Amino acid sequence: MNSLELSPQVQPNLRVGLGRVLIVEDEELIRETVALGLAEEGFEILVAEDGLTALEMLGGTSNASRVNHPEVNLVILDLMLPGMNGLDLCRLLRHQGIDVPILILSAKGTETDRVVGLEIGADDYLTKPFGMRELIARCRALLRRHRGVARQESDPVLRFQEISLHPKECRAFLRGEELSLSPKEFRILELFMSQPRRVWSRDQIIDQVWGHDFMGDNKTVDVHIRWIREKLEIDPSNPQYLKTVRGFGYRLG
């Protein structure tokens, strides 16, 4: 229910930054064994003996809970818990939009059990008995994957050959040199780079960039494409990036 109190022999081995792991397990021997094994690798450990306590610690009951408990980076979850079982806890966390990585650790090891656990929102499934080395490796892999996704979401960059586009910064670069694009030119290029090689008709481009209520001539798309080509292409009359697909529209690449 609280942070695990580690022995003095364990604490000197802690390394900062690996992550905070919440172990939800009602069997004391397993809970303590997993906690000590992960702590020796450098993880900070929190423990909960039942699903309701874990739910509160993860901020799934009220906004106040998020303030009262530290952030959790990974959950190791047993299925057979008193009160609220592990499947219900996992399902509720995902329903409430809590996307912390979840590793199910269970004696229920049939294919059906594993499929159900993964389909309700768990990220990985390990059956008991297990080896600590494998558990630690899976924890590290889940944290790497989750942090990689978080970095991509916080700073997405679209790339195509020598073009890179930063949507949140509204900046685009060609071979490292920043392009001077108008807002509409930027949005058109972003549209193409979001789905390279897809063919976009003039009407589709207008719907995506100008909006459904645009009342002008769809030939304005041709004008903006020409302007973008002048900034992208070595030879705008023979484009290598924004190409015309006769009778259909335009595509990138």
Protein backbone atom coordinates (compact mmCIF):
# COMPACT_ATOMS: atom_id res chain seq x y z
CA MET A 1 0.00 0.00 0.00
CA ASN A 2 2.96 2.31 0.54
CA SER A 3 6.40 2.52 -1.00
CA LEU A 4 8.41 -0.59 -0.24
CA GLU A 5 10.94 0.00 2.54
CA LEU A 6 14.13 -1.41 1.11
CA SER A 7 16.91 -2.78 3.24
CA PRO A 8 20.18 -0.80 3.48
CA GLN A 9 21.87 -3.55 1.44
CA VAL A 10 19.54 -2.88 -1.50
CA GLN A 11 19.43 0.89 -1.49
CA PRO A 12 23.06 1.55 -2.60
CA ASN A 13 22.33 -0.31 -5.86
CA LEU A 14 19.46 2.00 -6.88
CA ARG A 15 19.95 3.91 -10.12
CA VAL A 16 17.89 7.01 -10.83
CA GLY A 17 15.53 7.26 -13.78
CA LEU A 18 14.58 3.65 -14.56
CA GLY A 19 10.99 4.22 -13.50
CA ARG A 20 8.45 3.69 -10.75
CA VAL A 21 6.73 0.30 -10.74
CA LEU A 22 3.48 -0.52 -8.96
CA ILE A 23 3.22 -4.21 -8.03
CA VAL A 24 -0.40 -5.30 -7.50
CA GLU A 25 -0.22 -8.74 -5.89
CA ASP A 26 -1.97 -10.22 -2.85
CA GLU A 27 0.53 -13.06 -2.27
CA GLU A 28 3.18 -11.60 0.01
CA LEU A 29 6.02 -13.90 -1.03
CA ILE A 30 5.59 -13.14 -4.75
CA ARG A 31 5.05 -9.44 -4.07
CA GLU A 32 8.21 -9.11 -1.98
CA THR A 33 10.31 -11.26 -4.33
CA VAL A 34 9.35 -9.18 -7.39
CA ALA A 35 9.77 -5.93 -5.47
CA LEU A 36 13.27 -6.77 -4.25
CA GLY A 37 14.35 -8.11 -7.65
CA LEU A 38 13.25 -4.93 -9.44
CA ALA A 39 14.62 -2.67 -6.70
CA GLU A 40 18.04 -4.26 -7.05
CA GLU A 41 17.93 -3.35 -10.76
CA GLY A 42 17.24 0.29 -9.94
CA PHE A 43 13.46 0.59 -10.12
CA GLU A 44 11.50 2.49 -7.50
CA ILE A 45 8.80 0.25 -6.08
CA LEU A 46 5.23 0.79 -4.92
CA VAL A 47 3.03 -2.09 -3.80
CA ALA A 48 -0.71 -2.72 -3.47
CA GLU A 49 -2.38 -5.85 -2.13
CA ASP A 50 -5.75 -5.40 -3.85
CA GLY A 51 -7.30 -3.84 -6.94
CA LEU A 52 -9.13 -0.98 -5.22
CA THR A 53 -5.96 0.27 -3.55
CA ALA A 54 -4.14 0.09 -6.87
CA LEU A 55 -6.96 1.98 -8.59
CA GLU A 56 -6.67 4.80 -6.06
CA MET A 57 -2.88 4.92 -6.40
CA LEU A 58 -3.21 5.20 -10.18
CA GLY A 59 -5.65 8.09 -9.95
CA GLY A 60 -8.63 6.10 -11.15
CA THR A 61 -11.07 7.19 -8.44
CA SER A 62 -10.71 10.96 -8.23
CA ASN A 63 -8.48 13.83 -9.26
CA ALA A 64 -7.26 14.07 -5.69
CA SER A 65 -5.75 10.60 -5.95
CA ARG A 66 -3.36 11.77 -8.66
CA VAL A 67 -2.03 14.44 -6.30
CA ASN A 68 -1.75 12.18 -3.26
CA HIS A 69 0.26 9.45 -5.00
CA PRO A 70 3.43 9.66 -7.15
CA GLU A 71 3.34 8.97 -10.86
CA VAL A 72 3.53 5.31 -11.80
CA ASN A 73 5.45 4.32 -14.95
CA LEU A 74 4.58 0.61 -15.05
CA VAL A 75 2.05 -1.73 -13.37
CA ILE A 76 2.74 -5.41 -12.68
CA LEU A 77 -0.72 -6.87 -12.16
CA ASP A 78 -1.92 -10.17 -10.74
CA LEU A 79 -5.36 -11.32 -11.92
CA MET A 80 -6.64 -13.11 -8.81
CA LEU A 81 -7.04 -10.22 -6.37
CA PRO A 82 -9.43 -9.64 -3.47
CA GLY A 83 -12.23 -7.13 -4.07
CA MET A 84 -11.60 -5.99 -7.63
CA ASN A 85 -9.84 -8.58 -9.78
CA GLY A 86 -7.01 -7.76 -12.15
CA LEU A 87 -9.08 -7.97 -15.34
CA ASP A 88 -11.65 -5.51 -14.00
CA LEU A 89 -8.91 -3.16 -12.82
CA CYS A 90 -7.19 -3.25 -16.22
CA ARG A 91 -10.48 -2.69 -18.05
CA LEU A 92 -11.42 0.23 -15.78
CA LEU A 93 -8.03 1.93 -16.11
CA ARG A 94 -8.23 1.83 -19.91
CA HIS A 95 -11.85 3.00 -19.86
CA GLN A 96 -10.78 6.01 -17.81
CA GLY A 97 -7.96 6.84 -20.22
CA ILE A 98 -5.09 5.86 -17.92
CA ASP A 99 -2.48 4.55 -20.35
CA VAL A 100 0.24 3.36 -17.97
CA PRO A 101 1.89 0.18 -19.32
CA ILE A 102 0.44 -2.95 -17.69
CA LEU A 103 2.22 -6.31 -17.41
CA ILE A 104 -0.09 -9.10 -16.24
CA LEU A 105 1.64 -11.67 -14.02
CA SER A 106 -0.68 -14.64 -13.54
CA ALA A 107 -0.85 -18.37 -12.94
CA LYS A 108 -3.63 -18.49 -15.55
CA GLY A 109 -1.60 -19.30 -18.62
CA THR A 110 -3.90 -20.68 -21.31
CA GLU A 111 -3.99 -19.01 -24.70
CA THR A 112 -7.51 -17.77 -23.96
CA ASP A 113 -6.36 -16.19 -20.70
CA ARG A 114 -3.52 -14.39 -22.45
CA VAL A 115 -5.71 -13.20 -25.31
CA VAL A 116 -8.36 -11.85 -22.94
CA GLY A 117 -5.75 -10.02 -20.89
CA LEU A 118 -4.20 -8.37 -23.93
CA GLU A 119 -7.54 -7.51 -25.52
CA ILE A 120 -8.81 -5.63 -22.46
CA GLY A 121 -5.76 -3.39 -22.47
CA ALA A 122 -2.72 -5.12 -20.96
CA ASP A 123 0.57 -4.55 -22.80
CA ASP A 124 2.22 -7.86 -21.91
CA TYR A 125 1.41 -11.15 -20.18
CA LEU A 126 3.78 -13.39 -18.23
CA THR A 127 2.70 -16.65 -16.59
CA LYS A 128 3.75 -17.98 -13.19
CA PRO A 129 6.20 -19.48 -12.45
CA PHE A 130 8.54 -17.02 -14.13
CA GLY A 131 12.19 -16.07 -14.12
CA MET A 132 13.23 -12.72 -12.66
CA ARG A 133 15.59 -12.02 -15.56
CA GLU A 134 12.74 -12.38 -18.04
CA LEU A 135 10.44 -10.23 -15.90
CA ILE A 136 13.05 -7.48 -15.65
CA ALA A 137 13.70 -7.63 -19.40
CA ARG A 138 9.99 -7.32 -20.14
CA CYS A 139 9.68 -4.36 -17.76
CA ARG A 140 12.55 -2.58 -19.46
CA ALA A 141 11.10 -3.26 -22.92
CA LEU A 142 7.66 -1.95 -21.95
CA LEU A 143 9.12 1.23 -20.50
CA ARG A 144 11.31 1.82 -23.58
CA ARG A 145 8.35 1.32 -25.89
CA HIS A 146 6.03 3.55 -23.88
CA ARG A 147 8.57 6.35 -23.57
CA GLY A 148 9.33 6.14 -27.27
CA VAL A 149 5.66 6.57 -28.10
CA ALA A 150 5.37 9.45 -25.65
CA ARG A 151 8.30 11.23 -27.29
CA GLN A 152 6.75 10.82 -30.73
CA GLU A 153 3.43 12.16 -29.51
CA SER A 154 5.00 15.14 -27.78
CA ASP A 155 7.13 16.13 -30.76
CA PRO A 156 5.88 14.45 -33.95
CA VAL A 157 8.05 14.92 -37.03
CA LEU A 158 6.89 13.94 -40.52
CA ARG A 159 9.64 12.92 -42.91
CA PHE A 160 9.77 12.11 -46.59
CA GLN A 161 13.14 11.71 -48.29
CA GLU A 162 14.90 15.07 -47.73
CA ILE A 163 11.84 16.89 -46.37
CA SER A 164 11.03 17.11 -42.67
CA LEU A 165 7.98 18.82 -41.22
CA HIS A 166 7.29 19.75 -37.58
CA PRO A 167 3.49 20.18 -37.21
CA LYS A 168 3.53 21.67 -33.73
CA GLU A 169 6.19 24.22 -34.65
CA CYS A 170 4.68 24.93 -38.10
CA ARG A 171 8.13 24.58 -39.65
CA ALA A 172 9.33 22.61 -42.65
CA PHE A 173 12.85 21.86 -43.84
CA LEU A 174 14.40 20.70 -47.10
CA ARG A 175 17.89 19.20 -46.76
CA GLY A 176 18.19 20.99 -43.42
CA GLU A 177 17.24 24.42 -44.79
CA GLU A 178 14.01 25.91 -43.49
CA LEU A 179 11.29 26.54 -46.07
CA SER A 180 9.30 29.77 -46.15
CA LEU A 181 5.71 28.52 -46.49
CA SER A 182 2.41 30.32 -46.14
CA PRO A 183 -0.12 28.74 -43.73
CA LYS A 184 -2.05 27.14 -46.60
CA GLU A 185 1.14 25.87 -48.25
CA PHE A 186 2.25 24.39 -44.94
CA ARG A 187 -1.08 22.60 -44.41
CA ILE A 188 -1.06 21.21 -47.95
CA LEU A 189 2.46 19.87 -47.49
CA GLU A 190 1.50 18.43 -44.09
CA LEU A 191 -1.46 16.69 -45.71
CA PHE A 192 0.74 15.08 -48.36
CA MET A 193 3.41 14.07 -45.85
CA SER A 194 0.86 12.49 -43.53
CA GLN A 195 0.14 9.89 -46.24
CA PRO A 196 2.97 9.78 -48.79
CA ARG A 197 2.10 8.46 -52.24
CA ARG A 198 -1.62 8.77 -51.65
CA VAL A 199 -3.35 10.59 -54.51
CA TRP A 200 -5.39 13.62 -53.39
CA SER A 201 -7.98 15.21 -55.66
CA ARG A 202 -8.46 18.99 -55.69
CA ASP A 203 -11.76 18.64 -53.83
CA GLN A 204 -10.20 16.44 -51.16
CA ILE A 205 -7.39 18.93 -50.64
CA ILE A 206 -9.87 21.78 -50.35
CA ASP A 207 -11.95 19.85 -47.81
CA GLN A 208 -8.88 19.11 -45.69
CA VAL A 209 -7.15 22.49 -45.92
CA TRP A 210 -9.81 25.12 -46.65
CA GLY A 211 -12.84 23.33 -45.19
CA HIS A 212 -16.18 22.14 -46.50
CA ASP A 213 -17.60 25.66 -46.67
CA PHE A 214 -15.00 26.92 -49.17
CA MET A 215 -16.82 28.80 -51.95
CA GLY A 216 -13.95 29.57 -54.32
CA ASP A 217 -12.57 27.86 -57.42
CA ASN A 218 -10.83 24.54 -56.85
CA LYS A 219 -8.15 25.75 -59.28
CA THR A 220 -6.68 27.57 -56.27
CA VAL A 221 -5.18 24.19 -55.37
CA ASP A 222 -3.15 24.21 -58.60
CA VAL A 223 -1.80 27.65 -57.77
CA HIS A 224 -0.71 26.60 -54.28
CA ILE A 225 0.86 23.40 -55.61
CA ARG A 226 2.88 25.49 -58.06
CA TRP A 227 4.06 27.76 -55.26
CA ILE A 228 5.10 24.79 -53.12
CA ARG A 229 6.95 23.25 -56.07
CA GLU A 230 8.92 26.44 -56.55
CA LYS A 231 10.18 26.07 -52.99
CA LEU A 232 10.73 22.30 -53.03
CA GLU A 233 11.83 21.32 -56.49
CA ILE A 234 15.11 21.82 -58.28
CA ASP A 235 13.10 21.92 -61.52
CA PRO A 236 9.46 22.84 -60.74
CA SER A 237 8.39 21.89 -64.28
CA ASN A 238 9.76 18.37 -63.70
CA PRO A 239 8.85 17.76 -60.05
CA GLN A 240 10.40 14.97 -58.01
CA TYR A 241 8.25 15.47 -54.91
CA LEU A 242 4.78 16.85 -55.69
CA LYS A 243 3.70 14.96 -58.77
CA THR A 244 0.59 15.32 -60.91
CA VAL A 245 -1.52 12.19 -61.44
CA ARG A 246 -3.45 13.13 -64.57
CA GLY A 247 -7.19 12.83 -64.22
CA PHE A 248 -6.97 12.26 -60.45
CA GLY A 249 -4.97 14.89 -58.60
CA TYR A 250 -1.60 15.07 -56.85
CA ARG A 251 0.62 12.88 -54.74
CA LEU A 252 3.89 13.12 -52.84
CA GLY A 253 6.61 10.95 -54.34
